[in-house]
Amino acid sequence: MVLPVALESAANLHVNPMTFALAVMLGASVSLITPFEPSCILVYGPGRYKVADFFKVSIIATVLLVVAILVLVPMLYPF
């Protein structure tokens, strides 16, 4: 739902749409804070984890991944 908005924004700003598309796609896949991400659901039941467990552990990973996306995407695909 956000990808068309990002691509339209890139077109209006006359910048590389691939940069915006990659940022949106990678950003959508790093939501590790809740167990509703497909990879987290696989371990949620068998591991008997709670939502608080995901929040405690995943907040650091999510912040690191967001920073990596914000730094690396513009470096690899400049505006």
N, C-alpha and C. Protein backbone atom coordinates (compact mmCIF):
# COMPACT_ATOMS: atom_id res chain seq x y z
N MET A 1 0.81 -1.18 0.00
CA MET A 1 0.00 0.00 0.00
C MET A 1 0.86 1.26 0.00
N VAL A 2 2.03 1.19 0.56
CA VAL A 2 2.88 2.37 0.66
C VAL A 2 3.78 2.50 -0.57
N LEU A 3 4.05 1.40 -1.24
CA LEU A 3 4.96 1.42 -2.38
C LEU A 3 4.50 2.37 -3.49
N PRO A 4 3.24 2.37 -3.91
CA PRO A 4 2.83 3.34 -4.93
C PRO A 4 2.99 4.79 -4.49
N VAL A 5 2.77 5.05 -3.22
CA VAL A 5 2.96 6.41 -2.71
C VAL A 5 4.44 6.80 -2.78
N ALA A 6 5.32 5.88 -2.41
CA ALA A 6 6.75 6.15 -2.45
C ALA A 6 7.23 6.37 -3.88
N LEU A 7 6.74 5.56 -4.81
CA LEU A 7 7.15 5.72 -6.20
C LEU A 7 6.64 7.03 -6.79
N GLU A 8 5.43 7.41 -6.44
CA GLU A 8 4.88 8.69 -6.91
C GLU A 8 5.66 9.86 -6.30
N SER A 9 6.04 9.73 -5.05
CA SER A 9 6.84 10.78 -4.40
C SER A 9 8.20 10.92 -5.09
N ALA A 10 8.82 9.80 -5.42
CA ALA A 10 10.11 9.84 -6.11
C ALA A 10 9.96 10.48 -7.48
N ALA A 11 8.88 10.17 -8.19
CA ALA A 11 8.65 10.77 -9.50
C ALA A 11 8.44 12.28 -9.38
N ASN A 12 7.71 12.71 -8.37
CA ASN A 12 7.46 14.14 -8.18
C ASN A 12 8.73 14.90 -7.78
N LEU A 13 9.62 14.21 -7.05
CA LEU A 13 10.86 14.84 -6.63
C LEU A 13 11.98 14.70 -7.66
N HIS A 14 11.72 13.93 -8.73
CA HIS A 14 12.70 13.68 -9.80
C HIS A 14 13.96 13.03 -9.26
N VAL A 15 13.77 11.99 -8.44
CA VAL A 15 14.89 11.22 -7.89
C VAL A 15 14.72 9.76 -8.27
N ASN A 16 15.70 8.95 -7.94
CA ASN A 16 15.71 7.54 -8.29
C ASN A 16 14.59 6.79 -7.54
N PRO A 17 13.61 6.23 -8.24
CA PRO A 17 12.52 5.53 -7.56
C PRO A 17 12.98 4.22 -6.91
N MET A 18 14.09 3.65 -7.38
CA MET A 18 14.59 2.40 -6.79
C MET A 18 14.99 2.61 -5.33
N THR A 19 15.53 3.78 -5.01
CA THR A 19 15.91 4.08 -3.63
C THR A 19 14.68 4.06 -2.72
N PHE A 20 13.62 4.69 -3.17
CA PHE A 20 12.39 4.73 -2.37
C PHE A 20 11.77 3.33 -2.28
N ALA A 21 11.76 2.59 -3.38
CA ALA A 21 11.16 1.26 -3.39
C ALA A 21 11.90 0.31 -2.44
N LEU A 22 13.22 0.34 -2.48
CA LEU A 22 13.99 -0.53 -1.59
C LEU A 22 13.79 -0.15 -0.13
N ALA A 23 13.75 1.13 0.16
CA ALA A 23 13.53 1.56 1.54
C ALA A 23 12.17 1.09 2.06
N VAL A 24 11.15 1.18 1.23
CA VAL A 24 9.82 0.73 1.65
C VAL A 24 9.79 -0.78 1.83
N MET A 25 10.35 -1.51 0.88
CA MET A 25 10.31 -2.98 0.96
C MET A 25 11.12 -3.51 2.14
N LEU A 26 12.31 -2.96 2.35
CA LEU A 26 13.12 -3.41 3.48
C LEU A 26 12.52 -2.96 4.81
N GLY A 27 11.98 -1.76 4.84
CA GLY A 27 11.33 -1.27 6.05
C GLY A 27 10.14 -2.12 6.47
N ALA A 28 9.42 -2.62 5.49
CA ALA A 28 8.26 -3.46 5.80
C ALA A 28 8.67 -4.82 6.36
N SER A 29 9.88 -5.24 6.08
CA SER A 29 10.28 -6.58 6.52
C SER A 29 11.05 -6.59 7.83
N VAL A 30 11.25 -5.45 8.47
CA VAL A 30 12.01 -5.43 9.72
C VAL A 30 11.15 -5.21 10.95
N SER A 31 9.87 -5.48 10.86
CA SER A 31 9.01 -5.31 12.03
C SER A 31 9.12 -6.55 12.91
N LEU A 32 10.14 -6.59 13.71
CA LEU A 32 10.41 -7.75 14.56
C LEU A 32 9.89 -7.58 15.98
N ILE A 33 9.36 -6.42 16.30
CA ILE A 33 8.97 -6.13 17.68
C ILE A 33 7.76 -6.94 18.11
N THR A 34 6.86 -7.24 17.19
CA THR A 34 5.68 -8.04 17.53
C THR A 34 5.83 -9.43 16.92
N PRO A 35 5.20 -10.43 17.48
CA PRO A 35 5.34 -11.79 16.95
C PRO A 35 4.47 -12.06 15.73
N PHE A 36 3.98 -11.03 15.07
CA PHE A 36 3.07 -11.22 13.95
C PHE A 36 3.79 -11.24 12.61
N GLU A 37 5.10 -11.14 12.61
CA GLU A 37 5.92 -11.28 11.42
C GLU A 37 6.05 -12.78 11.15
N PRO A 38 5.97 -13.24 9.90
CA PRO A 38 5.98 -14.69 9.64
C PRO A 38 7.13 -15.46 10.27
N SER A 39 8.33 -14.91 10.26
CA SER A 39 9.45 -15.65 10.86
C SER A 39 9.31 -15.74 12.38
N CYS A 40 8.67 -14.77 13.01
CA CYS A 40 8.48 -14.80 14.46
C CYS A 40 7.37 -15.77 14.86
N ILE A 41 6.37 -15.90 14.01
CA ILE A 41 5.25 -16.80 14.31
C ILE A 41 5.73 -18.24 14.40
N LEU A 42 6.75 -18.58 13.62
CA LEU A 42 7.27 -19.95 13.63
C LEU A 42 7.82 -20.36 14.99
N VAL A 43 8.38 -19.43 15.74
CA VAL A 43 8.95 -19.76 17.04
C VAL A 43 8.08 -19.33 18.21
N TYR A 44 7.03 -18.57 17.94
CA TYR A 44 6.19 -18.02 19.01
C TYR A 44 5.51 -19.13 19.81
N GLY A 45 4.85 -20.03 19.15
CA GLY A 45 4.12 -21.11 19.84
C GLY A 45 5.04 -22.14 20.45
N PRO A 46 5.90 -22.79 19.65
CA PRO A 46 6.76 -23.84 20.20
C PRO A 46 7.73 -23.33 21.28
N GLY A 47 8.16 -22.08 21.19
CA GLY A 47 9.09 -21.55 22.18
C GLY A 47 8.43 -21.01 23.42
N ARG A 48 7.10 -20.96 23.42
CA ARG A 48 6.31 -20.43 24.54
C ARG A 48 6.74 -19.01 24.92
N TYR A 49 6.97 -18.22 23.90
CA TYR A 49 7.34 -16.82 24.13
C TYR A 49 6.12 -15.97 24.38
N LYS A 50 6.34 -14.83 24.99
CA LYS A 50 5.29 -13.84 25.21
C LYS A 50 5.60 -12.62 24.34
N VAL A 51 4.62 -11.77 24.15
CA VAL A 51 4.83 -10.56 23.35
C VAL A 51 5.92 -9.69 23.98
N ALA A 52 5.98 -9.65 25.30
CA ALA A 52 7.00 -8.85 25.99
C ALA A 52 8.41 -9.37 25.68
N ASP A 53 8.55 -10.68 25.50
CA ASP A 53 9.86 -11.24 25.15
C ASP A 53 10.32 -10.72 23.80
N PHE A 54 9.42 -10.65 22.85
CA PHE A 54 9.77 -10.13 21.53
C PHE A 54 10.16 -8.66 21.63
N PHE A 55 9.44 -7.89 22.42
CA PHE A 55 9.74 -6.47 22.55
C PHE A 55 11.12 -6.26 23.16
N LYS A 56 11.43 -7.00 24.21
CA LYS A 56 12.71 -6.83 24.90
C LYS A 56 13.90 -7.13 23.98
N VAL A 57 13.80 -8.19 23.24
CA VAL A 57 14.92 -8.64 22.41
C VAL A 57 14.94 -7.92 21.06
N SER A 58 13.80 -7.70 20.47
CA SER A 58 13.75 -7.23 19.09
C SER A 58 13.87 -5.73 18.92
N ILE A 59 13.72 -4.96 19.96
CA ILE A 59 13.80 -3.51 19.81
C ILE A 59 15.20 -3.11 19.34
N ILE A 60 16.22 -3.75 19.86
CA ILE A 60 17.60 -3.43 19.45
C ILE A 60 17.84 -3.84 18.00
N ALA A 61 17.40 -5.04 17.64
CA ALA A 61 17.57 -5.50 16.27
C ALA A 61 16.82 -4.62 15.28
N THR A 62 15.63 -4.21 15.64
CA THR A 62 14.84 -3.35 14.76
C THR A 62 15.50 -2.00 14.57
N VAL A 63 15.99 -1.42 15.64
CA VAL A 63 16.67 -0.11 15.54
C VAL A 63 17.92 -0.23 14.67
N LEU A 64 18.71 -1.29 14.86
CA LEU A 64 19.91 -1.48 14.06
C LEU A 64 19.58 -1.68 12.58
N LEU A 65 18.55 -2.43 12.29
CA LEU A 65 18.16 -2.66 10.90
C LEU A 65 17.63 -1.39 10.24
N VAL A 66 16.88 -0.59 10.97
CA VAL A 66 16.38 0.67 10.42
C VAL A 66 17.54 1.61 10.11
N VAL A 67 18.50 1.69 11.02
CA VAL A 67 19.67 2.54 10.78
C VAL A 67 20.45 2.02 9.57
N ALA A 68 20.61 0.71 9.47
CA ALA A 68 21.31 0.14 8.32
C ALA A 68 20.59 0.45 7.01
N ILE A 69 19.27 0.38 7.02
CA ILE A 69 18.51 0.70 5.81
C ILE A 69 18.68 2.16 5.45
N LEU A 70 18.58 3.04 6.43
CA LEU A 70 18.70 4.47 6.17
C LEU A 70 20.09 4.86 5.68
N VAL A 71 21.10 4.12 6.08
CA VAL A 71 22.47 4.44 5.66
C VAL A 71 22.83 3.74 4.35
N LEU A 72 22.53 2.46 4.24
CA LEU A 72 23.01 1.67 3.11
C LEU A 72 22.21 1.85 1.82
N VAL A 73 20.91 2.00 1.92
CA VAL A 73 20.11 2.13 0.70
C VAL A 73 20.52 3.36 -0.11
N PRO A 74 20.63 4.55 0.50
CA PRO A 74 21.08 5.69 -0.31
C PRO A 74 22.53 5.56 -0.81
N MET A 75 23.36 4.80 -0.08
CA MET A 75 24.74 4.59 -0.55
C MET A 75 24.77 3.69 -1.77
N LEU A 76 23.95 2.63 -1.76
CA LEU A 76 23.96 1.68 -2.87
C LEU A 76 23.14 2.15 -4.07
N TYR A 77 22.08 2.88 -3.80
CA TYR A 77 21.21 3.43 -4.85
C TYR A 77 21.03 4.92 -4.60
N PRO A 78 21.98 5.74 -5.05
CA PRO A 78 21.89 7.18 -4.76
C PRO A 78 20.65 7.83 -5.37
N PHE A 79 20.28 8.93 -4.78
CA PHE A 79 19.13 9.67 -5.26
C PHE A 79 19.44 10.23 -6.61
